[in-house]
Protein backbone atom coordinates (compact mmCIF):
# COMPACT_ATOMS: atom_id res chain seq x y z
CA MET A 1 -33.85 -4.48 22.06
CA PHE A 2 -32.86 -1.94 24.89
CA SER A 3 -35.60 0.87 24.04
CA ILE A 4 -38.27 -1.97 24.78
CA LEU A 5 -36.82 -3.43 28.17
CA LEU A 6 -36.77 0.28 28.85
CA PHE A 7 -39.97 1.37 27.66
CA GLY A 8 -42.18 -1.47 27.10
CA ALA A 9 -43.58 -2.84 23.56
CA PRO A 10 -45.61 -0.37 21.56
CA GLY A 11 -49.16 0.15 21.44
CA PRO A 12 -51.70 0.32 19.08
CA TRP A 13 -51.47 4.57 18.74
CA GLN A 14 -47.97 4.41 19.25
CA VAL A 15 -47.71 2.01 16.04
CA VAL A 16 -50.37 3.87 14.10
CA ILE A 17 -47.99 7.35 15.06
CA ILE A 18 -44.95 5.56 13.57
CA VAL A 19 -46.91 4.31 10.51
CA ALA A 20 -47.57 7.48 9.87
CA LEU A 21 -44.29 9.39 10.10
CA ALA A 22 -42.87 6.73 7.85
CA LEU A 23 -45.53 7.70 5.27
CA LEU A 24 -44.79 11.50 5.70
CA LEU A 25 -41.01 11.06 5.60
CA PHE A 26 -40.96 8.19 2.47
CA GLY A 27 -43.99 8.76 0.83
CA GLY A 28 -46.63 6.06 -0.20
CA LYS A 29 -44.43 4.65 -3.46
CA LYS A 30 -41.30 4.73 -1.48
CA ILE A 31 -42.88 2.36 1.47
CA PRO A 32 -43.58 -1.06 -0.44
CA GLU A 33 -39.68 -0.88 -2.33
CA LEU A 34 -38.73 -0.40 1.09
CA MET A 35 -40.02 -3.24 2.20
CA LYS A 36 -39.46 -5.82 -0.47
CA GLY A 37 -35.73 -5.10 -0.08
CA LEU A 38 -35.95 -5.69 3.71
CA GLY A 39 -37.41 -8.87 2.45
CA GLN A 40 -35.31 -9.82 -0.24
CA GLY A 41 -32.27 -9.11 2.36
CA ILE A 42 -34.11 -11.58 5.35
CA LYS A 43 -34.38 -14.58 2.87
CA GLU A 44 -30.59 -14.32 1.89
CA PHE A 45 -29.76 -13.92 5.26
CA LYS A 46 -31.42 -17.50 5.96
CA LYS A 47 -30.21 -18.54 2.63
CA ALA A 48 -26.50 -17.73 3.95
CA THR A 49 -27.39 -19.23 7.61
CA LYS A 50 -28.64 -22.75 5.64
CA GLU A 51 -25.99 -23.89 3.54
CA GLU A 52 -23.33 -22.88 5.70
CA GLU A 53 -22.20 -26.04 7.45
CA PRO A 54 -20.48 -26.19 11.11
CA SER A 55 -16.55 -27.02 10.37
CA GLY A 56 -15.53 -30.47 10.83
CA ASN A 57 -18.04 -33.41 10.86
CA ALA A 58 -21.59 -33.24 9.67
CA ASN A 59 -22.91 -35.66 12.19
CA PRO A 60 -20.63 -36.07 14.89
CA GLN A 61 -22.99 -38.55 16.48
CA LYS A 62 -21.70 -41.08 13.87
CA GLU A 63 -18.06 -40.53 14.69
CA LEU A 64 -19.27 -41.68 18.46
CA GLU A 65 -20.73 -44.89 17.26
CA SER A 66 -17.55 -46.07 15.37
């Protein structure tokens, strides 16, 4: 986040270079596995945040109406 504020958002050529370096470092077969793991992690995080309810009364508006 700090680097985006400092240097600005990466342009299209910077994105191409980053993708090319990732392919060189990890190889073509490893990239889909990494992305699949990242996607599963994001799904689990979203599921955990949805399941977690705030402590106390689930509907504070009903408490005010009573």
